[in-house]
Amino acid sequence: MPVIHSQLDPHSPQFLQNREAMLAGLAQIRQLEQNLLAKAAEAKAKFEKRGQLLPRERLNLLLDPGAPFLELASLAGYKLHDDKDGSQAGGGLIAGIGYVSGVRVLVVANNSAIKGGTISPSGLKKSLRLQQIAMENKLPVVTLAESGGANLNYAAEIFVEGARSFANQARMSAMGLPDHRGARLGHRRRRLPAGAVGLRSGGARQGQAVSCRPAPAQGRHRRGGHR
């Protein structure tokens, strides 16, 4: 493979100027994401009164401690539809790629702390894009479901196009979605605090969630996956 030699000069004025502009843009994005966290935190007392955890708290319990998590499309729908101040960005969904019991998965959680996790047209487009990512990369999907359903103010934009989401779920189910070693995912129940509800295909009762781990693999692969 030929070696690619960079022509960039990291000490040049132009490079330093571009770097500062990029860092300023990233800082703005991080601040917008922080605004979302602050908005969701306003509902914490209400969730605690119901014996529930906030969506991100449930997500943190599901994911492997210390493992990387790449959040996707955190600002989807920013200031679109009913989002007047940017505090509802994300389309009612928290999603990203992380690890559950050593298996790399796509995790999707309804952000029920903001407008009951109702789905906007931007949230539907985000969901379809997440499904495409899962299918293209053969990622298992774990969903923590707690949503008020579609935002009825935009029903015509959601229900018709939403049929694609159900079709994609059928395709993913047919694919089987093996993990990177070829072992298919099994399931086990993990006891979690009240409010840690969720999972695709019906979910779990309050106080429980179903996490995923690799089923016994063929050959020399060890059970339980690896990081």
Protein backbone atom coordinates (compact mmCIF):
# COMPACT_ATOMS: atom_id res chain seq x y z
CA MET A 1 0.00 0.00 0.00
CA PRO A 2 1.48 3.39 -0.96
CA VAL A 3 2.22 5.83 1.84
CA ILE A 4 0.12 8.98 1.77
CA HIS A 5 2.20 12.00 2.75
CA SER A 6 0.26 14.88 4.25
CA GLN A 7 0.80 18.32 2.79
CA LEU A 8 -0.69 20.04 5.85
CA ASP A 9 1.44 22.30 7.94
CA PRO A 10 -0.03 22.21 11.47
CA HIS A 11 1.95 25.33 12.35
CA SER A 12 0.75 27.47 9.46
CA PRO A 13 -1.56 30.45 10.17
CA GLN A 14 -4.29 29.01 7.94
CA PHE A 15 -4.24 25.65 9.74
CA LEU A 16 -4.39 27.31 13.16
CA GLN A 17 -7.24 29.53 12.02
CA ASN A 18 -9.21 26.54 10.70
CA ARG A 19 -8.54 24.64 13.92
CA GLU A 20 -9.88 27.45 16.07
CA ALA A 21 -12.99 27.74 13.90
CA MET A 22 -13.60 23.98 14.14
CA LEU A 23 -13.15 23.95 17.92
CA ALA A 24 -15.57 26.86 18.25
CA GLY A 25 -18.15 24.98 16.17
CA LEU A 26 -17.73 21.83 18.26
CA ALA A 27 -18.10 23.85 21.46
CA GLN A 28 -21.39 25.21 20.14
CA ILE A 29 -22.65 21.69 19.41
CA ARG A 30 -21.64 20.49 22.88
CA GLN A 31 -23.52 23.41 24.41
CA LEU A 32 -26.66 22.54 22.45
CA GLU A 33 -26.36 18.94 23.65
CA GLN A 34 -25.96 20.17 27.21
CA ASN A 35 -29.17 22.18 26.82
CA LEU A 36 -30.97 18.92 25.96
CA LEU A 37 -29.62 17.28 29.10
CA ALA A 38 -30.73 20.23 31.21
CA LYS A 39 -34.23 20.10 29.71
CA ALA A 40 -34.55 16.38 30.45
CA ALA A 41 -33.24 16.89 34.00
CA GLU A 42 -36.23 19.13 34.72
CA ALA A 43 -38.40 16.00 34.68
CA LYS A 44 -36.27 14.07 37.20
CA ALA A 45 -38.49 14.80 40.20
CA LYS A 46 -41.58 13.61 38.30
CA PHE A 47 -39.81 10.41 37.25
CA GLU A 48 -38.58 9.72 40.78
CA LYS A 49 -42.09 10.18 42.13
CA ARG A 50 -43.25 7.46 39.75
CA GLY A 51 -40.34 5.23 40.74
CA GLN A 52 -38.71 5.58 37.33
CA LEU A 53 -35.32 6.48 35.94
CA LEU A 54 -34.67 9.10 33.31
CA PRO A 55 -34.04 7.66 29.82
CA ARG A 56 -30.32 8.37 29.93
CA GLU A 57 -30.06 6.78 33.36
CA ARG A 58 -31.66 3.60 32.00
CA LEU A 59 -29.33 3.74 29.02
CA ASN A 60 -26.28 4.03 31.28
CA LEU A 61 -27.37 0.94 33.22
CA LEU A 62 -27.83 -1.04 30.04
CA LEU A 63 -24.46 -0.23 28.47
CA ASP A 64 -21.25 -1.90 29.59
CA PRO A 65 -19.45 0.32 32.14
CA GLY A 66 -16.44 2.06 30.68
CA ALA A 67 -17.11 0.87 27.13
CA PRO A 68 -17.27 3.48 24.34
CA PHE A 69 -20.63 4.86 23.24
CA LEU A 70 -21.06 6.89 20.07
CA GLU A 71 -24.27 8.91 20.12
CA LEU A 72 -25.87 9.50 16.72
CA ALA A 73 -27.98 12.39 15.42
CA SER A 74 -28.28 14.06 18.81
CA LEU A 75 -29.48 17.32 17.21
CA ALA A 76 -31.88 15.85 14.65
CA GLY A 77 -34.81 18.18 14.11
CA TYR A 78 -33.15 21.11 15.85
CA LYS A 79 -35.66 24.01 15.91
CA LEU A 80 -38.00 22.20 13.52
CA HIS A 81 -41.71 21.49 13.98
CA ASP A 82 -42.60 22.14 17.66
CA ASP A 83 -38.99 22.74 18.73
CA LYS A 84 -39.01 26.50 19.20
CA ASP A 85 -35.87 26.85 21.33
CA GLY A 86 -33.83 23.78 20.40
CA SER A 87 -34.60 21.97 23.65
CA GLN A 88 -36.46 19.19 21.84
CA ALA A 89 -33.73 18.30 19.36
CA GLY A 90 -33.08 14.62 18.83
CA GLY A 91 -36.52 13.82 17.46
CA GLY A 92 -37.68 12.18 20.70
CA LEU A 93 -34.93 9.54 20.49
CA ILE A 94 -31.58 8.93 22.15
CA ALA A 95 -29.52 6.60 19.99
CA GLY A 96 -25.99 5.42 19.47
CA ILE A 97 -23.59 2.52 19.06
CA GLY A 98 -22.27 0.93 22.24
CA TYR A 99 -21.61 -2.39 23.96
CA VAL A 100 -24.05 -4.60 25.88
CA SER A 101 -22.49 -7.66 27.55
CA GLY A 102 -19.50 -7.31 25.25
CA VAL A 103 -21.56 -7.18 22.04
CA ARG A 104 -21.54 -4.08 19.86
CA VAL A 105 -25.14 -2.98 19.33
CA LEU A 106 -27.22 -0.05 18.17
CA VAL A 107 -29.21 1.23 21.15
CA VAL A 108 -32.33 3.36 20.73
CA ALA A 109 -34.18 4.90 23.70
CA ASN A 110 -37.30 7.04 23.55
CA ASN A 111 -36.56 10.32 25.32
CA SER A 112 -39.69 10.24 27.45
CA ALA A 113 -38.36 13.06 29.64
CA ILE A 114 -39.16 15.52 26.83
CA LYS A 115 -42.74 15.68 25.55
CA GLY A 116 -43.32 12.08 26.56
CA GLY A 117 -40.91 10.81 23.91
CA THR A 118 -43.40 11.58 21.13
CA ILE A 119 -41.99 11.16 17.63
CA SER A 120 -41.78 14.10 15.25
CA PRO A 121 -41.23 13.81 11.49
CA SER A 122 -37.53 14.44 12.16
CA GLY A 123 -37.58 11.66 14.74
CA LEU A 124 -39.07 9.28 12.19
CA LYS A 125 -36.35 10.15 9.65
CA LYS A 126 -33.78 9.61 12.38
CA SER A 127 -35.30 6.22 13.18
CA LEU A 128 -35.19 5.17 9.52
CA ARG A 129 -31.57 6.25 9.26
CA LEU A 130 -30.69 4.28 12.41
CA GLN A 131 -32.30 1.18 10.95
CA GLN A 132 -30.29 1.64 7.76
CA ILE A 133 -27.08 1.90 9.80
CA ALA A 134 -27.98 -1.27 11.71
CA MET A 135 -28.71 -3.26 8.55
CA GLU A 136 -25.64 -2.06 6.65
CA ASN A 137 -23.33 -2.82 9.56
CA LYS A 138 -25.21 -5.93 10.79
CA LEU A 139 -25.70 -4.47 14.26
CA PRO A 140 -28.23 -5.95 16.69
CA VAL A 141 -30.74 -3.35 17.86
CA VAL A 142 -31.80 -2.84 21.47
CA THR A 143 -34.72 -0.49 22.07
CA LEU A 144 -35.74 1.01 25.41
CA ALA A 145 -39.35 1.86 24.57
CA GLU A 146 -41.38 4.43 26.49
CA SER A 147 -43.12 6.80 24.13
CA GLY A 148 -46.34 8.70 23.70
CA GLY A 149 -46.29 7.59 20.06
CA ALA A 150 -46.45 9.91 17.09
CA ASN A 151 -46.84 13.65 17.49
CA LEU A 152 -50.41 13.96 16.24
CA ASN A 153 -49.82 17.51 15.04
CA TYR A 154 -47.84 15.91 12.21
CA ALA A 155 -49.76 12.65 11.83
CA ALA A 156 -49.93 12.84 8.04
CA GLU A 157 -46.14 13.18 7.84
CA ILE A 158 -45.52 10.29 10.22
CA PHE A 159 -48.01 7.46 9.73
CA VAL A 160 -47.60 6.92 6.00
CA GLU A 161 -43.81 7.12 6.02
CA GLY A 162 -43.75 5.18 9.29
CA ALA A 163 -44.72 2.01 7.43
CA ARG A 164 -41.12 1.87 6.22
CA SER A 165 -40.00 1.51 9.83
CA PHE A 166 -42.12 -1.62 10.33
CA ALA A 167 -40.86 -3.03 7.02
CA ASN A 168 -37.27 -2.44 8.13
CA GLN A 169 -37.91 -4.20 11.44
CA ALA A 170 -39.16 -7.23 9.53
CA ARG A 171 -36.03 -7.18 7.35
CA MET A 172 -33.74 -6.93 10.38
CA SER A 173 -35.56 -9.77 12.08
CA ALA A 174 -35.12 -11.92 8.97
CA MET A 175 -31.43 -11.04 8.79
CA GLY A 176 -30.77 -12.47 12.25
CA LEU A 177 -28.03 -9.83 12.69
CA PRO A 178 -25.05 -11.91 13.85
CA ASP A 179 -22.35 -10.14 15.81
CA HIS A 180 -18.83 -9.64 14.48
CA ARG A 181 -17.77 -13.21 15.40
CA GLY A 182 -20.77 -14.79 13.71
CA ALA A 183 -22.50 -15.76 16.97
CA ARG A 184 -26.14 -14.78 17.13
CA LEU A 185 -27.48 -12.87 20.06
CA GLY A 186 -29.22 -14.63 22.90
CA HIS A 187 -31.05 -12.92 25.75
CA ARG A 188 -30.88 -12.90 29.49
CA ARG A 189 -32.77 -10.91 32.09
CA ARG A 190 -30.90 -8.44 34.25
CA ARG A 191 -32.45 -6.95 37.35
CA LEU A 192 -32.49 -3.16 37.21
CA PRO A 193 -34.08 -0.42 39.31
CA ALA A 194 -37.71 0.49 38.75
CA GLY A 195 -38.21 2.39 35.53
CA ALA A 196 -35.58 0.49 33.61
CA VAL A 197 -38.17 -0.72 31.18
CA GLY A 198 -37.66 -1.66 27.64
CA LEU A 199 -36.63 -3.74 24.81
CA ARG A 200 -37.83 -4.55 21.41
CA SER A 201 -40.40 -7.24 20.81
CA GLY A 202 -42.66 -6.29 23.69
CA GLY A 203 -40.18 -5.06 26.27
CA ALA A 204 -40.04 -5.99 29.92
CA ARG A 205 -42.09 -5.19 32.95
CA GLN A 206 -41.15 -2.31 35.24
CA GLY A 207 -38.07 -3.08 37.25
CA GLN A 208 -36.58 -5.35 34.61
CA ALA A 209 -34.78 -5.00 31.34
CA VAL A 210 -33.52 -7.58 28.94
CA SER A 211 -29.91 -7.28 27.93
CA CYS A 212 -28.15 -9.17 25.19
CA ARG A 213 -25.13 -11.42 25.15
CA PRO A 214 -23.75 -13.74 22.50
CA ALA A 215 -25.21 -17.20 22.39
CA PRO A 216 -22.62 -20.01 22.64
CA ALA A 217 -20.43 -19.67 19.58
CA GLN A 218 -19.14 -22.37 17.32
CA GLY A 219 -15.55 -23.60 17.44
CA ARG A 220 -13.00 -22.00 19.68
CA HIS A 221 -14.85 -18.78 20.49
CA ARG A 222 -15.50 -18.31 24.16
CA ARG A 223 -18.91 -17.55 25.57
CA GLY A 224 -19.65 -14.03 26.68
CA GLY A 225 -18.00 -11.99 23.94
CA HIS A 226 -14.99 -9.73 24.19
CA ARG A 227 -14.34 -6.04 24.11
